[in-house]
N, C-alpha and C. Protein backbone atom coordinates (compact mmCIF):
# COMPACT_ATOMS: atom_id res chain seq x y z
N MET A 1 -12.89 46.14 -43.95
CA MET A 1 -13.80 45.19 -43.34
C MET A 1 -14.99 45.93 -42.66
N THR A 2 -16.11 45.39 -42.91
CA THR A 2 -17.33 45.80 -42.41
C THR A 2 -17.43 45.63 -40.87
N HIS A 3 -18.25 46.45 -40.12
CA HIS A 3 -18.44 46.39 -38.96
C HIS A 3 -19.03 44.94 -38.32
N LYS A 4 -19.86 44.42 -39.29
CA LYS A 4 -20.33 43.11 -38.75
C LYS A 4 -19.32 41.98 -38.96
N SER A 5 -18.40 41.88 -39.96
CA SER A 5 -17.27 41.37 -40.13
C SER A 5 -16.09 41.33 -39.20
N GLU A 6 -16.03 42.49 -38.75
CA GLU A 6 -15.08 42.69 -37.46
C GLU A 6 -15.69 42.10 -36.16
N ASP A 7 -17.05 42.26 -35.78
CA ASP A 7 -17.53 41.55 -34.95
C ASP A 7 -17.52 39.88 -35.19
N ILE A 8 -17.57 39.39 -36.16
CA ILE A 8 -17.47 37.78 -36.38
C ILE A 8 -16.11 37.46 -35.98
N PHE A 9 -15.10 38.32 -36.64
CA PHE A 9 -13.69 37.91 -36.22
C PHE A 9 -13.43 38.11 -34.96
N ASN A 10 -13.69 39.06 -34.14
CA ASN A 10 -13.63 39.33 -32.66
C ASN A 10 -14.27 38.22 -32.06
N ASP A 11 -15.30 37.90 -32.29
CA ASP A 11 -16.00 36.71 -31.50
C ASP A 11 -15.22 35.29 -31.81
N PHE A 12 -14.67 35.25 -32.94
CA PHE A 12 -13.98 34.08 -33.32
C PHE A 12 -12.71 34.01 -32.43
N ARG A 13 -12.07 35.24 -32.66
CA ARG A 13 -10.83 35.20 -31.87
C ARG A 13 -10.85 35.18 -30.21
N PHE A 14 -12.00 35.83 -29.89
CA PHE A 14 -12.29 35.66 -28.39
C PHE A 14 -12.57 34.27 -27.96
N HIS A 15 -13.30 33.36 -28.77
CA HIS A 15 -13.57 32.04 -28.68
C HIS A 15 -12.30 31.33 -28.71
N VAL A 16 -11.36 31.41 -29.40
CA VAL A 16 -10.17 30.75 -29.44
C VAL A 16 -9.18 31.14 -28.45
N GLU A 17 -9.13 32.33 -28.01
CA GLU A 17 -8.17 32.79 -26.86
C GLU A 17 -9.04 32.07 -25.50
N GLY A 18 -10.11 32.25 -25.38
CA GLY A 18 -10.96 31.84 -24.30
C GLY A 18 -10.65 30.35 -24.33
N TYR A 19 -10.75 29.53 -25.34
CA TYR A 19 -10.54 28.03 -25.42
C TYR A 19 -9.05 27.48 -24.97
N HIS A 20 -8.04 28.43 -25.38
CA HIS A 20 -6.60 28.22 -25.11
C HIS A 20 -6.39 28.51 -23.44
N GLU A 21 -7.02 29.44 -22.92
CA GLU A 21 -6.80 30.01 -21.71
C GLU A 21 -7.66 28.96 -20.77
N GLY A 22 -8.82 28.50 -21.19
CA GLY A 22 -9.32 27.41 -20.34
C GLY A 22 -8.76 26.12 -20.55
N PHE A 23 -8.05 26.04 -21.62
CA PHE A 23 -7.51 24.62 -21.69
C PHE A 23 -6.12 24.55 -20.77
N ASP A 24 -5.56 25.72 -20.96
CA ASP A 24 -4.12 25.94 -19.92
C ASP A 24 -4.66 25.73 -18.52
N GLU A 25 -5.78 26.49 -18.08
CA GLU A 25 -6.19 26.24 -16.86
C GLU A 25 -6.43 25.01 -16.28
N GLY A 26 -7.29 24.21 -17.33
CA GLY A 26 -7.68 22.96 -17.01
C GLY A 26 -6.49 21.85 -16.87
N THR A 27 -5.46 22.38 -17.60
CA THR A 27 -4.37 21.29 -17.71
C THR A 27 -3.69 21.55 -16.54
N GLN A 28 -3.56 22.78 -15.96
CA GLN A 28 -2.76 22.92 -14.76
C GLN A 28 -3.45 22.35 -13.54
N GLN A 29 -5.03 22.60 -13.49
CA GLN A 29 -5.84 21.83 -12.41
C GLN A 29 -5.69 20.45 -12.51
N GLY A 30 -5.74 20.12 -13.50
CA GLY A 30 -5.45 18.59 -13.77
C GLY A 30 -4.30 18.02 -13.19
N MET A 31 -3.23 18.90 -13.39
CA MET A 31 -1.83 18.33 -12.97
C MET A 31 -1.95 18.45 -11.35
N ILE A 32 -2.46 19.42 -10.82
CA ILE A 32 -2.50 19.68 -9.25
C ILE A 32 -3.31 18.42 -8.76
N ASP A 33 -4.67 18.41 -9.43
CA ASP A 33 -5.54 17.04 -8.88
C ASP A 33 -4.89 15.72 -8.98
N GLY A 34 -4.13 15.43 -10.23
CA GLY A 34 -3.34 14.30 -10.43
C GLY A 34 -2.20 14.08 -9.32
N TRP A 35 -1.47 15.36 -8.92
CA TRP A 35 -0.43 15.12 -8.21
C TRP A 35 -1.13 14.52 -6.67
N LYS A 36 -2.09 15.25 -6.20
CA LYS A 36 -2.73 15.09 -5.09
C LYS A 36 -3.21 13.59 -5.00
N HIS A 37 -3.80 13.29 -6.09
CA HIS A 37 -4.51 11.82 -5.93
C HIS A 37 -3.17 10.74 -5.96
N GLU A 38 -2.25 10.92 -6.85
CA GLU A 38 -0.96 9.83 -6.84
C GLU A 38 -0.30 10.03 -5.43
N ALA A 39 -0.28 11.28 -4.80
CA ALA A 39 0.38 11.49 -3.42
C ALA A 39 -0.33 10.68 -2.44
N SER A 40 -1.72 10.87 -2.48
CA SER A 40 -2.60 9.93 -1.51
C SER A 40 -2.39 8.56 -1.74
N HIS A 41 -2.62 8.10 -3.08
CA HIS A 41 -2.51 6.57 -3.34
C HIS A 41 -1.09 6.02 -3.06
N GLY A 42 -0.14 6.75 -3.38
CA GLY A 42 1.16 6.54 -2.90
C GLY A 42 1.55 6.31 -1.35
N ALA A 43 0.74 7.06 -0.60
CA ALA A 43 0.82 7.04 0.93
C ALA A 43 0.12 5.91 1.39
N LYS A 44 -1.21 5.49 0.77
CA LYS A 44 -1.99 4.24 1.28
C LYS A 44 -0.98 3.05 0.97
N LEU A 45 -0.59 3.15 -0.30
CA LEU A 45 0.21 1.87 -0.64
C LEU A 45 1.45 1.65 0.18
N SER A 46 2.13 2.70 0.51
CA SER A 46 3.19 2.67 1.39
C SER A 46 2.96 2.29 2.81
N MET A 47 1.67 2.78 3.39
CA MET A 47 1.31 2.23 4.65
C MET A 47 1.03 0.77 4.64
N GLU A 48 0.25 0.21 3.71
CA GLU A 48 0.07 -1.00 3.29
C GLU A 48 1.17 -1.92 3.39
N VAL A 49 2.30 -1.51 2.55
CA VAL A 49 3.64 -2.24 2.58
C VAL A 49 4.25 -2.35 3.72
N SER A 50 4.22 -1.05 4.36
CA SER A 50 5.06 -1.11 5.72
C SER A 50 4.19 -1.93 6.63
N PHE A 51 2.93 -2.15 6.75
CA PHE A 51 2.21 -2.83 7.73
C PHE A 51 2.72 -4.37 7.29
N TYR A 52 2.93 -4.94 6.00
CA TYR A 52 3.29 -6.26 5.80
C TYR A 52 4.75 -6.46 6.31
N TYR A 53 5.56 -5.28 6.10
CA TYR A 53 6.98 -5.70 6.57
C TYR A 53 7.18 -5.62 8.16
N GLY A 54 6.36 -4.71 8.85
CA GLY A 54 6.16 -5.02 10.21
C GLY A 54 5.61 -6.36 10.77
N PHE A 55 4.62 -6.63 9.96
CA PHE A 55 4.04 -7.99 10.42
C PHE A 55 5.12 -9.21 10.26
N GLY A 56 5.90 -9.08 9.11
CA GLY A 56 6.84 -10.09 8.84
C GLY A 56 8.08 -10.03 9.93
N VAL A 57 8.54 -8.81 10.24
CA VAL A 57 9.55 -8.81 11.01
C VAL A 57 9.33 -9.26 12.46
N THR A 58 8.10 -8.89 12.87
CA THR A 58 7.49 -9.08 14.14
C THR A 58 7.37 -10.68 14.42
N TRP A 59 6.74 -11.34 13.24
CA TRP A 59 6.80 -12.69 13.36
C TRP A 59 8.14 -13.31 13.21
N LYS A 60 9.00 -12.88 12.39
CA LYS A 60 10.18 -13.50 12.36
C LYS A 60 10.91 -13.51 13.64
N CYS A 61 10.96 -12.39 14.27
CA CYS A 61 11.59 -12.38 15.64
C CYS A 61 10.86 -13.17 16.71
N LEU A 62 9.55 -13.41 16.65
CA LEU A 62 8.93 -14.36 17.62
C LEU A 62 9.27 -15.95 17.29
N LEU A 63 9.50 -16.09 16.06
CA LEU A 63 9.67 -17.56 15.64
C LEU A 63 10.89 -18.00 15.56
N GLN A 64 12.13 -17.09 15.40
CA GLN A 64 13.36 -17.39 15.07
C GLN A 64 14.12 -18.35 15.99
N ASN A 65 13.81 -18.50 17.31
CA ASN A 65 14.26 -19.47 18.23
C ASN A 65 13.30 -20.61 18.50
N ASN A 66 12.11 -20.65 17.93
CA ASN A 66 11.20 -21.70 17.92
C ASN A 66 11.58 -22.99 17.43
N THR A 67 11.51 -23.98 18.16
CA THR A 67 11.93 -25.47 17.75
C THR A 67 10.86 -26.04 17.11
N HIS A 68 9.65 -25.62 17.08
CA HIS A 68 8.54 -26.31 16.59
C HIS A 68 8.94 -26.84 15.18
N VAL A 69 8.18 -28.13 14.83
CA VAL A 69 8.78 -28.79 13.47
C VAL A 69 8.29 -27.69 12.25
N LYS A 70 7.18 -26.96 12.45
CA LYS A 70 6.82 -26.13 11.44
C LYS A 70 7.44 -24.73 11.37
N ALA A 71 8.25 -24.56 12.22
CA ALA A 71 8.96 -23.12 12.45
C ALA A 71 9.65 -22.70 11.24
N ARG A 72 10.55 -23.76 10.71
CA ARG A 72 11.28 -23.36 9.52
C ARG A 72 10.56 -22.96 8.32
N LYS A 73 9.43 -23.77 8.09
CA LYS A 73 8.51 -23.51 6.98
C LYS A 73 8.01 -21.94 6.96
N ARG A 74 7.56 -21.68 8.32
CA ARG A 74 6.98 -20.33 8.64
C ARG A 74 7.97 -19.23 8.34
N LEU A 75 9.19 -19.44 8.95
CA LEU A 75 10.43 -18.60 8.62
C LEU A 75 10.72 -18.47 7.25
N ASN A 76 10.53 -19.48 6.47
CA ASN A 76 11.11 -19.36 5.03
C ASN A 76 10.11 -18.33 4.40
N ALA A 77 8.78 -18.53 4.65
CA ALA A 77 7.46 -17.80 4.13
C ALA A 77 7.65 -16.43 4.66
N LEU A 78 8.20 -16.08 5.79
CA LEU A 78 8.40 -14.79 6.18
C LEU A 78 9.57 -14.11 5.65
N GLU A 79 10.49 -14.76 5.41
CA GLU A 79 11.69 -14.33 4.67
C GLU A 79 11.44 -14.05 3.30
N SER A 80 10.47 -14.84 2.63
CA SER A 80 10.24 -14.68 1.24
C SER A 80 9.50 -13.29 1.30
N ILE A 81 8.54 -13.05 1.90
CA ILE A 81 7.55 -11.82 2.09
C ILE A 81 8.52 -10.63 2.18
N LEU A 82 9.58 -10.58 3.29
CA LEU A 82 10.20 -9.67 3.69
C LEU A 82 11.27 -9.22 2.46
N GLY A 83 11.57 -10.56 1.61
CA GLY A 83 12.57 -10.11 0.56
C GLY A 83 11.84 -9.40 -0.53
N LEU A 84 10.54 -9.86 -0.87
CA LEU A 84 9.74 -9.25 -1.84
C LEU A 84 9.63 -7.67 -1.67
N ILE A 85 9.45 -7.30 -0.39
CA ILE A 85 9.06 -5.97 0.22
C ILE A 85 10.44 -5.32 -0.06
N LEU A 86 11.55 -5.69 0.48
CA LEU A 86 12.81 -5.16 0.37
C LEU A 86 13.29 -4.95 -1.22
N LYS A 87 12.81 -5.70 -2.00
CA LYS A 87 13.24 -5.46 -3.56
C LYS A 87 12.29 -4.30 -4.07
N PHE A 88 11.33 -3.85 -3.34
CA PHE A 88 10.62 -2.63 -4.00
C PHE A 88 11.51 -1.53 -4.37
N PRO A 89 11.31 -0.85 -5.47
CA PRO A 89 12.10 0.36 -5.76
C PRO A 89 11.34 1.43 -5.15
N HIS A 90 11.74 1.91 -4.07
CA HIS A 90 11.21 2.93 -3.28
C HIS A 90 11.05 4.11 -4.01
N GLU A 91 12.17 4.53 -4.66
CA GLU A 91 12.28 6.01 -5.18
C GLU A 91 11.89 5.83 -6.73
N GLU A 92 11.15 4.87 -7.34
CA GLU A 92 10.76 4.92 -8.70
C GLU A 92 9.22 4.92 -8.81
N PRO A 93 8.63 6.22 -8.83
CA PRO A 93 7.18 6.13 -9.08
C PRO A 93 6.60 5.64 -10.21
N GLN A 94 7.13 5.36 -11.08
CA GLN A 94 6.68 4.93 -12.40
C GLN A 94 7.01 3.30 -12.58
N TYR A 95 7.14 2.77 -11.48
CA TYR A 95 7.71 1.31 -11.52
C TYR A 95 6.61 0.62 -12.16
N GLU A 96 7.14 -0.24 -13.22
CA GLU A 96 6.15 -0.84 -14.32
C GLU A 96 5.56 -2.09 -13.45
N ASN A 97 6.15 -3.01 -12.61
CA ASN A 97 5.74 -4.09 -12.16
C ASN A 97 5.17 -3.98 -10.85
N LEU A 98 4.76 -2.82 -10.42
CA LEU A 98 4.08 -2.65 -9.28
C LEU A 98 2.81 -3.65 -8.76
N GLN A 99 1.92 -3.65 -9.67
CA GLN A 99 0.57 -4.37 -9.63
C GLN A 99 1.14 -5.83 -9.37
N GLU A 100 2.04 -6.42 -10.26
CA GLU A 100 2.56 -7.77 -10.23
C GLU A 100 3.14 -8.09 -8.82
N ASN A 101 4.23 -7.21 -8.55
CA ASN A 101 4.77 -7.25 -7.30
C ASN A 101 3.88 -7.18 -5.97
N MET A 102 3.06 -6.45 -6.18
CA MET A 102 1.89 -6.32 -4.96
C MET A 102 1.13 -7.47 -4.89
N GLU A 103 0.90 -8.12 -6.10
CA GLU A 103 -0.26 -9.40 -5.98
C GLU A 103 0.83 -10.44 -5.30
N LYS A 104 2.00 -10.43 -5.66
CA LYS A 104 2.86 -11.51 -4.99
C LYS A 104 3.10 -11.10 -3.54
N VAL A 105 3.02 -10.11 -3.20
CA VAL A 105 3.19 -9.69 -1.63
C VAL A 105 1.75 -10.26 -0.98
N TRP A 106 0.61 -9.81 -1.61
CA TRP A 106 -0.65 -10.42 -1.01
C TRP A 106 -0.82 -11.79 -0.94
N ALA A 107 -0.32 -12.47 -2.03
CA ALA A 107 -0.41 -13.82 -1.90
C ALA A 107 0.54 -14.54 -0.92
N LYS A 108 1.92 -13.78 -0.74
CA LYS A 108 2.69 -14.53 0.27
C LYS A 108 2.12 -14.00 1.71
N PHE A 109 1.40 -13.01 1.88
CA PHE A 109 0.81 -12.66 3.10
C PHE A 109 -0.20 -13.74 3.59
N ARG A 110 -1.17 -13.72 2.54
CA ARG A 110 -2.14 -15.04 2.77
C ARG A 110 -1.68 -16.33 3.23
N LEU A 111 -0.46 -16.55 2.46
CA LEU A 111 0.21 -18.00 2.91
C LEU A 111 0.88 -17.93 4.21
N VAL A 112 1.40 -16.77 4.48
CA VAL A 112 2.18 -16.69 6.01
C VAL A 112 0.96 -16.73 7.06
N CYS A 113 0.04 -16.04 6.68
CA CYS A 113 -1.32 -16.04 7.71
C CYS A 113 -1.86 -17.48 7.87
N SER A 114 -2.01 -18.12 6.79
CA SER A 114 -2.45 -19.38 6.74
C SER A 114 -1.46 -20.34 7.65
N LEU A 115 0.01 -20.23 7.52
CA LEU A 115 0.83 -21.06 8.10
C LEU A 115 1.02 -20.64 9.61
N LEU A 116 0.54 -19.32 9.92
CA LEU A 116 0.66 -18.87 11.24
C LEU A 116 -0.66 -19.01 11.86
N ASN A 117 -1.72 -19.36 11.18
CA ASN A 117 -3.02 -19.57 11.68
C ASN A 117 -3.59 -18.20 12.40
N VAL A 118 -3.41 -17.11 11.63
CA VAL A 118 -3.96 -15.76 12.08
C VAL A 118 -4.77 -15.35 11.00
N PRO A 119 -5.69 -14.38 11.26
CA PRO A 119 -6.58 -13.76 10.23
C PRO A 119 -5.81 -12.81 9.31
N THR A 120 -6.35 -12.98 8.05
CA THR A 120 -5.78 -12.05 7.01
C THR A 120 -6.22 -10.73 6.93
N ASP A 121 -7.47 -10.42 7.59
CA ASP A 121 -7.99 -9.06 7.68
C ASP A 121 -7.81 -8.42 8.99
N PHE A 122 -6.91 -7.48 8.93
CA PHE A 122 -6.59 -6.66 10.01
C PHE A 122 -7.23 -5.34 10.00
N SER A 123 -8.10 -4.97 9.17
CA SER A 123 -8.72 -3.69 9.13
C SER A 123 -9.47 -3.09 10.11
N ASP A 124 -10.19 -3.91 10.84
CA ASP A 124 -10.83 -3.52 12.20
C ASP A 124 -9.73 -3.26 12.95
N TYR A 125 -8.75 -3.92 13.20
CA TYR A 125 -7.66 -3.86 14.13
C TYR A 125 -6.79 -2.45 13.94
N VAL A 126 -6.54 -2.42 12.60
CA VAL A 126 -5.59 -1.15 12.15
C VAL A 126 -6.32 0.12 12.48
N LYS A 127 -7.84 0.09 12.17
CA LYS A 127 -8.69 1.25 12.21
C LYS A 127 -8.73 1.68 13.65
N SER A 128 -8.78 0.62 14.56
CA SER A 128 -9.01 0.93 16.06
C SER A 128 -7.71 1.57 16.65
N GLY A 129 -6.58 1.18 16.00
CA GLY A 129 -5.30 1.58 16.67
C GLY A 129 -4.64 0.25 17.44
N GLY A 130 -5.37 -0.76 17.63
CA GLY A 130 -4.84 -1.84 18.31
C GLY A 130 -4.56 -1.70 19.76
N SER A 131 -4.28 -2.82 20.21
CA SER A 131 -3.79 -2.54 21.68
C SER A 131 -2.79 -3.53 22.16
N GLY A 132 -1.61 -3.32 21.45
CA GLY A 132 -0.48 -4.33 21.82
C GLY A 132 -0.53 -5.59 21.19
N GLY A 133 -1.25 -5.74 20.31
CA GLY A 133 -1.36 -7.25 19.65
C GLY A 133 -2.52 -8.06 20.15
N ASP A 134 -3.53 -7.60 20.87
CA ASP A 134 -4.53 -8.44 21.41
C ASP A 134 -5.33 -9.27 20.10
N ILE A 135 -5.31 -9.11 19.02
CA ILE A 135 -5.81 -9.86 17.98
C ILE A 135 -5.07 -10.88 17.72
N LEU A 136 -3.84 -10.75 17.63
CA LEU A 136 -3.03 -11.93 17.24
C LEU A 136 -2.60 -12.92 18.40
N LEU A 137 -2.56 -12.20 19.61
CA LEU A 137 -2.28 -12.90 20.79
C LEU A 137 -3.10 -13.13 21.82
N LYS A 138 -4.25 -12.95 21.48
CA LYS A 138 -5.40 -13.12 22.43
C LYS A 138 -5.30 -14.44 23.21
N GLY A 139 -5.42 -14.29 24.68
CA GLY A 139 -5.46 -15.41 25.42
C GLY A 139 -4.11 -16.10 25.90
N THR A 140 -2.97 -15.41 25.50
CA THR A 140 -1.74 -15.71 25.69
C THR A 140 -1.61 -15.41 27.39
N GLY A 141 -1.93 -14.36 27.70
CA GLY A 141 -1.82 -13.98 28.97
C GLY A 141 -0.33 -13.79 29.65
N ASN A 142 0.43 -13.61 28.80
CA ASN A 142 1.93 -13.58 28.89
C ASN A 142 2.61 -12.52 28.02
N PRO A 143 3.41 -11.55 28.46
CA PRO A 143 4.20 -10.70 27.49
C PRO A 143 5.14 -11.71 26.78
N GLN A 144 5.57 -12.74 27.14
CA GLN A 144 6.65 -13.74 26.43
C GLN A 144 5.72 -14.71 25.55
N LEU A 145 4.53 -14.53 25.32
CA LEU A 145 3.65 -15.18 24.36
C LEU A 145 3.53 -16.76 24.91
N GLU A 146 3.90 -17.12 26.00
CA GLU A 146 3.98 -18.53 26.53
C GLU A 146 4.54 -19.28 25.50
N ASP A 147 5.79 -19.02 25.02
CA ASP A 147 6.30 -19.89 23.90
C ASP A 147 5.50 -20.03 22.58
N LEU A 148 4.69 -18.89 22.50
CA LEU A 148 3.78 -19.00 21.21
C LEU A 148 2.74 -20.12 21.21
N LYS A 149 2.25 -20.17 22.41
CA LYS A 149 1.11 -21.14 22.74
C LYS A 149 -0.08 -20.69 21.87
N GLY A 150 -0.64 -21.77 21.26
CA GLY A 150 -1.58 -21.56 20.30
C GLY A 150 -1.04 -21.47 18.78
N VAL A 151 -0.04 -21.26 18.67
CA VAL A 151 0.66 -21.44 17.25
C VAL A 151 1.22 -22.63 16.99
N PRO A 152 0.50 -23.35 16.25
CA PRO A 152 1.02 -24.98 15.82
C PRO A 152 2.18 -24.83 15.19
C-alpha cells in the first residue's frame, strides 16, 4: 500500500469510528433527555389527575348528606369521575389508552363543574396556592359552608 492509500484508508476508518462513537453518545444522551422529558410529563399528568381526584373527593364529602333534589345527580357524576381516576393503571407507563381516558376525565370534570356551578379553570388558583377554597366557596362566610349556600 502506498502512503496516500494508507491515509485515505485511515481517514475512512476514523470517519467510521467517529460516526459510531458519536452515534453511541447521541443515543445515550437521547435516552437521558427522553427519560427526563417523560418523568416531567408524567409528574405533570399525575399532578393534574390528583387535582381532579381531590376535587371529586372534596365535593363528594360536601354533598353526601345534602338533601337537594340535584344532589343525587351531582354525586353520580362525582362518583363517575372518581371511578375513572381509580381505574388508571398507575404502574403502567406504556398505557395505550391514556389519551382516551384523560379525555373522558376532562369531559367528566367539565360536566361536574357545570352541575356544581363552579369554574373549570383553576390555573390561577392552583398557581397562587389558594387560600382554603376561596375560589369555590367565596361568600359563604362559614366554615360549614352554610349548607352549601349558592350551590343549587
